[in-house]
Amino acid sequence: MRSDMKVLLSLLLLVLLLFAASLLVGPAGLGVGDSLAALFRGEGDAVVLVMREIRLPRALLGAMVGAVLGLSGAAMQGYLRNPLAEPGIIGISSSSALGAVLALQTGAAAMFPLALPLSALSGAGIAVLLILALAGPRGGAMALILAGIAISALAGALTSLVLNLSSNPFAAMEIVFWMMGSLADRSMQHVWLAAPFMVAGSALLLAMGRPLDALTLGEDAAASMGVNLTRLRWQLVIGTALAVGASVAVAGAVGFVGLVVPHLVRPLMGARPSRVLPASMLGGACMVLAADVAVRIVAPDQDLKLGVLTALIGAPFFLHLIWRLRGAEA
């Protein structure tokens, strides 16, 4: 068996183990036998409620969110050929968060439970239209980065403005907590809402593997090999918007996964993006599932937010990466 296939199978096994841990770990203190009986056979009314309505959606979303963030980060780094690239660089995350913040501030989220994720998805869609308008249909990688930075800055400023002008302290507090990122209190409605967008976005990003392999030789070489660079660019933007927009819609801002995971799997898979993409997808699911289990173990009574923990893990790694790049350039 090829070494890269062994790595993928090992990551898949780790995802399954962490998924099981996510189902079995929690403040309710349920036994393994009772938990499995409630999940698969529906035995015990209260336990069934905990397993099927609380833990199962949380575990599913943890795997889904981590997978699309890891995949999007690997695709972004492969396309831009920049190890510091991550999904938020083109403004999708900030715009999606702005849509959710507006739903919270206006009270729409309180009146209609799915208003928040739908508003976040709308924000991601608007970001794509703005990127199209700013970068142009044939704009290069630099135009895409500059457009994304501008959109991200504008969305961040508008989010701060909403918080600044909020007259309702409870709404402001809810916005701040939501922006920290969390999988708590999610239902199967969130899973079914996000799943189609994540599947569509992931399919577009995974299909970029071979064109990204060609792009490692340079844009001119890739074009001479038959790669349509314009189509590849918009495949990246639309795929990231669908996948990451849906992730932010259901889990809030969970940072650093798309930056850290591709760097962790690349030494195991080699430099070819076509191999790094699926490994990053599985690695992202592992990271988010592990972090979500950790928040329930480390501070079960304090509601430690998932995004806070991933930032605490990812920020030092980011600094280490910058230091290593600095040493390589010296």
Protein backbone atom coordinates (compact mmCIF):
# COMPACT_ATOMS: atom_id res chain seq x y z
CA MET A 1 0.00 0.00 0.00
CA ARG A 2 1.29 3.48 -0.88
CA SER A 3 2.43 5.62 2.03
CA ASP A 4 -0.07 8.39 1.25
CA MET A 5 -2.93 5.88 1.33
CA LYS A 6 -1.72 4.67 4.72
CA VAL A 7 -1.79 8.26 5.98
CA LEU A 8 -5.33 8.79 4.65
CA LEU A 9 -6.57 5.57 6.24
CA SER A 10 -4.91 6.51 9.55
CA LEU A 11 -6.55 9.94 9.45
CA LEU A 12 -9.92 8.38 8.63
CA LEU A 13 -9.58 6.01 11.59
CA LEU A 14 -8.67 8.96 13.83
CA VAL A 15 -11.75 10.86 12.62
CA LEU A 16 -13.96 7.88 13.51
CA LEU A 17 -12.39 7.56 16.96
CA LEU A 18 -12.77 11.29 17.68
CA PHE A 19 -16.34 11.21 16.35
CA ALA A 20 -17.11 8.40 18.81
CA ALA A 21 -15.45 10.40 21.60
CA SER A 22 -17.57 13.42 20.71
CA LEU A 23 -20.69 11.28 21.05
CA LEU A 24 -19.67 9.76 24.38
CA VAL A 25 -18.06 12.71 26.20
CA GLY A 26 -20.23 15.31 27.89
CA PRO A 27 -21.35 16.82 31.21
CA ALA A 28 -24.33 14.46 31.45
CA GLY A 29 -22.04 11.66 32.59
CA LEU A 30 -23.82 8.91 30.64
CA GLY A 31 -22.41 5.41 30.51
CA VAL A 32 -21.11 4.03 27.22
CA GLY A 33 -23.69 1.23 27.12
CA ASP A 34 -26.61 3.55 27.86
CA SER A 35 -25.36 6.07 25.30
CA LEU A 36 -25.05 3.52 22.51
CA ALA A 37 -28.41 1.93 23.35
CA ALA A 38 -30.09 5.34 23.22
CA LEU A 39 -28.38 6.31 19.97
CA PHE A 40 -29.01 3.13 18.00
CA ARG A 41 -32.06 1.54 19.67
CA GLY A 42 -33.83 4.56 21.15
CA GLU A 43 -33.84 3.20 24.70
CA GLY A 44 -34.39 5.74 27.51
CA ASP A 45 -36.30 8.92 26.73
CA ALA A 46 -33.95 11.41 28.40
CA VAL A 47 -30.81 9.66 27.15
CA VAL A 48 -32.21 9.49 23.61
CA LEU A 49 -32.81 13.24 23.73
CA VAL A 50 -29.22 13.88 24.81
CA MET A 51 -27.67 11.55 22.25
CA ARG A 52 -29.81 12.20 19.18
CA GLU A 53 -30.73 15.85 19.63
CA ILE A 54 -27.60 17.28 21.33
CA ARG A 55 -24.50 15.14 20.89
CA LEU A 56 -25.12 13.67 17.42
CA PRO A 57 -25.65 17.06 15.69
CA ARG A 58 -22.64 18.46 17.53
CA ALA A 59 -20.40 15.58 16.44
CA LEU A 60 -21.62 15.72 12.84
CA LEU A 61 -21.08 19.47 12.62
CA GLY A 62 -17.64 19.15 14.21
CA ALA A 63 -16.55 16.73 11.50
CA MET A 64 -18.19 18.74 8.72
CA VAL A 65 -16.87 22.14 9.81
CA GLY A 66 -13.34 20.86 10.36
CA ALA A 67 -13.32 19.05 7.02
CA VAL A 68 -14.34 22.06 4.93
CA LEU A 69 -12.03 24.45 6.79
CA GLY A 70 -9.03 22.16 6.33
CA LEU A 71 -9.89 21.54 2.69
CA SER A 72 -10.45 25.23 1.93
CA GLY A 73 -7.16 26.17 3.55
CA ALA A 74 -5.23 23.61 1.51
CA ALA A 75 -6.92 24.74 -1.71
CA MET A 76 -6.18 28.39 -0.94
CA GLN A 77 -2.53 27.69 -0.17
CA GLY A 78 -2.20 25.58 -3.30
CA TYR A 79 -3.74 28.19 -5.58
CA LEU A 80 -1.91 31.20 -4.15
CA ARG A 81 1.29 29.18 -3.57
CA ASN A 82 1.54 30.93 -0.23
CA PRO A 83 1.95 28.94 3.03
CA LEU A 84 0.29 31.74 5.03
CA ALA A 85 -2.94 31.71 3.01
CA GLU A 86 -6.16 30.59 4.69
CA PRO A 87 -9.90 30.67 3.84
CA GLY A 88 -10.54 34.07 5.43
CA ILE A 89 -8.11 35.81 3.10
CA ILE A 90 -10.79 36.42 0.46
CA GLY A 91 -13.33 37.88 2.90
CA ILE A 92 -15.86 35.03 2.90
CA SER A 93 -15.64 34.41 6.65
CA SER A 94 -15.98 38.08 7.61
CA SER A 95 -18.91 38.66 5.27
CA SER A 96 -20.69 35.55 6.49
CA ALA A 97 -20.14 36.65 10.10
CA LEU A 98 -21.54 40.09 9.28
CA GLY A 99 -24.73 38.51 7.94
CA ALA A 100 -25.14 36.51 11.15
CA VAL A 101 -24.44 39.57 13.31
CA LEU A 102 -27.17 41.53 11.52
CA ALA A 103 -29.63 38.67 12.14
CA LEU A 104 -28.78 38.75 15.85
CA GLN A 105 -28.91 42.53 16.16
CA THR A 106 -32.23 42.95 14.35
CA GLY A 107 -33.87 40.19 16.38
CA ALA A 108 -34.56 38.05 13.31
CA ALA A 109 -32.62 35.16 14.86
CA ALA A 110 -34.96 35.20 17.88
CA MET A 111 -38.10 35.15 15.75
CA PHE A 112 -36.93 32.50 13.29
CA PRO A 113 -34.26 29.98 14.43
CA LEU A 114 -32.79 29.50 10.94
CA ALA A 115 -32.58 33.23 10.25
CA LEU A 116 -29.03 33.34 11.60
CA PRO A 117 -27.49 30.65 9.37
CA LEU A 118 -29.49 31.83 6.36
CA SER A 119 -28.27 35.40 6.88
CA ALA A 120 -24.70 34.15 7.19
CA LEU A 121 -25.02 32.24 3.92
CA SER A 122 -26.43 35.37 2.29
CA GLY A 123 -23.38 37.29 3.51
CA ALA A 124 -21.10 34.73 1.87
CA GLY A 125 -23.04 35.07 -1.39
CA ILE A 126 -22.74 38.85 -1.33
CA ALA A 127 -18.99 38.49 -0.76
CA VAL A 128 -18.68 36.42 -3.95
CA LEU A 129 -20.52 39.11 -5.93
CA LEU A 130 -18.25 41.79 -4.49
CA ILE A 131 -15.13 39.78 -5.35
CA LEU A 132 -16.44 39.39 -8.88
CA ALA A 133 -17.02 43.13 -9.12
CA LEU A 134 -13.66 44.14 -7.60
CA ALA A 135 -11.29 41.52 -9.01
CA GLY A 136 -13.05 41.15 -12.32
CA PRO A 137 -13.85 37.85 -14.02
CA ARG A 138 -10.28 37.57 -15.34
CA GLY A 139 -8.37 39.13 -12.44
CA GLY A 140 -5.22 37.37 -11.30
CA ALA A 141 -4.25 36.03 -7.90
CA MET A 142 -3.07 39.44 -6.68
CA ALA A 143 -6.38 41.06 -7.62
CA LEU A 144 -8.21 38.27 -5.80
CA ILE A 145 -6.13 38.80 -2.63
CA LEU A 146 -6.56 42.58 -2.68
CA ALA A 147 -10.31 42.30 -3.26
CA GLY A 148 -10.59 39.78 -0.42
CA ILE A 149 -8.62 41.99 1.97
CA ALA A 150 -10.83 44.97 1.12
CA ILE A 151 -14.04 42.97 1.62
CA SER A 152 -12.75 41.46 4.86
CA ALA A 153 -11.80 44.89 6.22
CA LEU A 154 -15.17 46.37 5.25
CA ALA A 155 -17.14 43.49 6.78
CA GLY A 156 -15.06 43.69 9.96
CA ALA A 157 -15.63 47.43 10.20
CA LEU A 158 -19.39 47.03 9.73
CA THR A 159 -19.48 44.29 12.36
CA SER A 160 -17.69 46.60 14.81
CA LEU A 161 -20.12 49.38 13.92
CA VAL A 162 -23.10 47.16 14.70
CA LEU A 163 -21.58 46.30 18.08
CA ASN A 164 -20.72 49.93 18.75
CA LEU A 165 -24.24 51.17 18.01
CA SER A 166 -26.08 48.29 19.66
CA SER A 167 -28.46 49.59 22.31
CA ASN A 168 -29.30 46.11 23.56
CA PRO A 169 -26.53 44.74 25.81
CA PHE A 170 -27.96 41.23 25.59
CA ALA A 171 -27.81 41.27 21.78
CA ALA A 172 -24.25 42.60 21.91
CA MET A 173 -23.25 39.85 24.33
CA GLU A 174 -24.87 37.22 22.12
CA ILE A 175 -23.00 38.57 19.08
CA VAL A 176 -19.66 38.47 20.88
CA PHE A 177 -20.22 34.92 22.09
CA TRP A 178 -21.39 33.76 18.66
CA MET A 179 -18.30 35.23 16.98
CA MET A 180 -16.08 33.14 19.28
CA GLY A 181 -17.28 30.01 17.50
CA SER A 182 -19.08 27.06 19.07
CA LEU A 183 -20.91 23.83 18.27
CA ALA A 184 -23.04 23.86 21.41
CA ASP A 185 -26.83 23.99 21.17
CA ARG A 186 -26.93 23.02 17.51
CA SER A 187 -29.65 20.76 16.11
CA MET A 188 -30.12 18.47 13.14
CA GLN A 189 -31.75 21.43 11.39
CA HIS A 190 -28.32 23.07 11.27
CA VAL A 191 -26.80 19.87 9.91
CA TRP A 192 -29.34 19.54 7.10
CA LEU A 193 -29.08 23.24 6.27
CA ALA A 194 -25.29 23.28 6.03
CA ALA A 195 -24.70 19.86 4.49
CA PRO A 196 -25.74 20.60 0.85
CA PHE A 197 -23.58 23.73 0.69
CA MET A 198 -20.61 21.98 2.29
CA VAL A 199 -20.90 18.96 -0.02
CA ALA A 200 -21.14 21.16 -3.13
CA GLY A 201 -18.24 23.36 -2.02
CA SER A 202 -16.07 20.38 -1.09
CA ALA A 203 -16.74 18.73 -4.47
CA LEU A 204 -15.57 21.88 -6.28
CA LEU A 205 -12.44 22.18 -4.15
CA LEU A 206 -11.48 18.49 -4.38
CA ALA A 207 -11.80 18.67 -8.17
CA MET A 208 -9.01 21.29 -8.17
CA GLY A 209 -6.33 18.72 -7.27
CA ARG A 210 -4.75 18.07 -10.66
CA PRO A 211 -4.98 21.70 -11.89
CA LEU A 212 -3.28 22.81 -8.66
CA ASP A 213 -0.53 20.24 -9.28
CA ALA A 214 0.07 21.88 -12.64
CA LEU A 215 -0.05 25.34 -11.08
CA THR A 216 2.93 24.51 -8.85
CA LEU A 217 5.02 24.88 -12.02
CA GLY A 218 3.75 28.44 -12.57
CA GLU A 219 0.74 29.99 -14.28
CA ASP A 220 2.31 29.96 -17.74
CA ALA A 221 3.24 26.28 -17.45
CA ALA A 222 -0.20 25.40 -16.10
CA ALA A 223 -1.91 27.26 -18.95
CA SER A 224 0.28 25.45 -21.50
CA MET A 225 -0.86 22.15 -19.94
CA GLY A 226 -4.49 23.05 -20.62
CA VAL A 227 -5.50 24.47 -17.22
CA ASN A 228 -8.15 27.18 -17.51
CA LEU A 229 -6.87 29.64 -14.88
CA THR A 230 -10.00 31.79 -14.92
CA ARG A 231 -12.26 28.81 -14.30
CA LEU A 232 -9.89 27.50 -11.62
CA ARG A 233 -9.94 30.84 -9.81
CA TRP A 234 -13.73 31.00 -9.69
CA GLN A 235 -13.94 27.34 -8.77
CA LEU A 236 -11.82 28.24 -5.74
CA VAL A 237 -13.91 31.31 -4.83
CA ILE A 238 -17.30 29.63 -5.23
CA GLY A 239 -16.20 26.40 -3.55
CA THR A 240 -14.76 28.31 -0.60
CA ALA A 241 -17.86 30.51 -0.36
CA LEU A 242 -20.18 27.49 -0.25
CA ALA A 243 -18.09 25.48 2.20
CA VAL A 244 -16.77 28.18 4.53
CA GLY A 245 -19.95 30.26 4.36
CA ALA A 246 -21.95 27.26 5.55
CA SER A 247 -19.35 26.57 8.26
CA VAL A 248 -19.53 30.10 9.65
CA ALA A 249 -23.32 30.00 9.38
CA VAL A 250 -23.65 27.06 11.78
CA ALA A 251 -20.53 27.31 13.97
CA GLY A 252 -19.46 30.94 14.01
CA ALA A 253 -15.84 31.96 13.53
CA VAL A 254 -13.53 28.97 14.06
CA GLY A 255 -10.11 30.23 13.09
CA PHE A 256 -6.67 28.80 12.24
CA VAL A 257 -7.91 25.36 11.15
CA GLY A 258 -7.43 26.15 7.48
CA LEU A 259 -3.98 27.57 8.16
CA VAL A 260 -2.59 24.93 10.52
CA VAL A 261 -3.91 21.62 9.16
CA PRO A 262 -2.36 21.74 5.63
CA HIS A 263 1.06 22.36 7.21
CA LEU A 264 0.62 19.39 9.52
CA VAL A 265 -0.31 16.93 6.75
CA ARG A 266 1.98 18.22 3.99
CA PRO A 267 5.15 16.55 5.38
CA LEU A 268 3.24 13.25 5.43
CA MET A 269 1.69 13.55 1.95
CA GLY A 270 4.31 15.43 -0.06
CA ALA A 271 4.03 18.77 -1.80
CA ARG A 272 1.46 17.77 -4.45
CA PRO A 273 -1.84 19.61 -3.74
CA SER A 274 -3.90 16.71 -5.13
CA ARG A 275 -2.65 14.60 -2.21
CA VAL A 276 -2.75 17.37 0.39
CA LEU A 277 -6.41 18.27 -0.26
CA PRO A 278 -8.08 15.04 0.97
CA ALA A 279 -5.58 14.71 3.83
CA SER A 280 -6.31 18.27 4.95
CA MET A 281 -10.02 17.50 4.82
CA LEU A 282 -9.61 14.57 7.21
CA GLY A 283 -7.04 16.43 9.32
CA GLY A 284 -9.40 19.40 9.72
CA ALA A 285 -12.17 17.10 10.92
CA CYS A 286 -9.73 15.59 13.45
CA MET A 287 -8.66 19.00 14.75
CA VAL A 288 -12.15 20.41 15.27
CA LEU A 289 -13.54 17.20 16.77
CA ALA A 290 -10.56 16.99 19.15
CA ALA A 291 -10.92 20.66 20.12
CA ASP A 292 -14.66 20.26 20.72
CA VAL A 293 -14.07 17.25 22.96
CA ALA A 294 -11.37 19.23 24.79
CA VAL A 295 -13.66 22.18 25.57
CA ARG A 296 -16.06 19.78 27.29
CA ILE A 297 -13.27 18.21 29.34
CA VAL A 298 -11.17 21.28 30.21
CA ALA A 299 -14.01 23.58 31.31
CA PRO A 300 -17.32 21.68 31.36
CA ASP A 301 -19.05 24.34 33.46
CA GLN A 302 -17.58 27.47 31.83
CA ASP A 303 -18.77 27.09 28.21
CA LEU A 304 -15.29 27.51 26.75
CA LYS A 305 -15.78 28.45 23.10
CA LEU A 306 -14.42 26.27 20.31
CA GLY A 307 -12.97 29.20 18.37
CA VAL A 308 -11.06 30.36 21.44
CA LEU A 309 -9.36 26.99 21.81
CA THR A 310 -8.46 26.67 18.12
CA ALA A 311 -7.00 30.20 18.25
CA LEU A 312 -4.93 29.28 21.32
CA ILE A 313 -3.57 26.30 19.38
CA GLY A 314 -3.24 28.01 16.01
CA ALA A 315 -1.72 31.37 16.96
CA PRO A 316 1.53 29.92 18.39
CA PHE A 317 1.79 27.65 15.33
CA PHE A 318 1.32 30.70 13.10
CA LEU A 319 4.11 32.54 14.91
CA HIS A 320 6.35 29.47 14.61
CA LEU A 321 5.61 29.31 10.88
CA ILE A 322 6.53 32.97 10.41
CA TRP A 323 9.75 32.47 12.39
CA ARG A 324 10.67 29.44 10.28
CA LEU A 325 10.02 31.34 7.04
CA ARG A 326 12.10 34.22 8.32
CA GLY A 327 14.99 31.83 9.01
CA ALA A 328 14.67 30.30 5.55
CA GLU A 329 14.88 33.71 3.89
CA ALA A 330 17.87 34.85 5.95
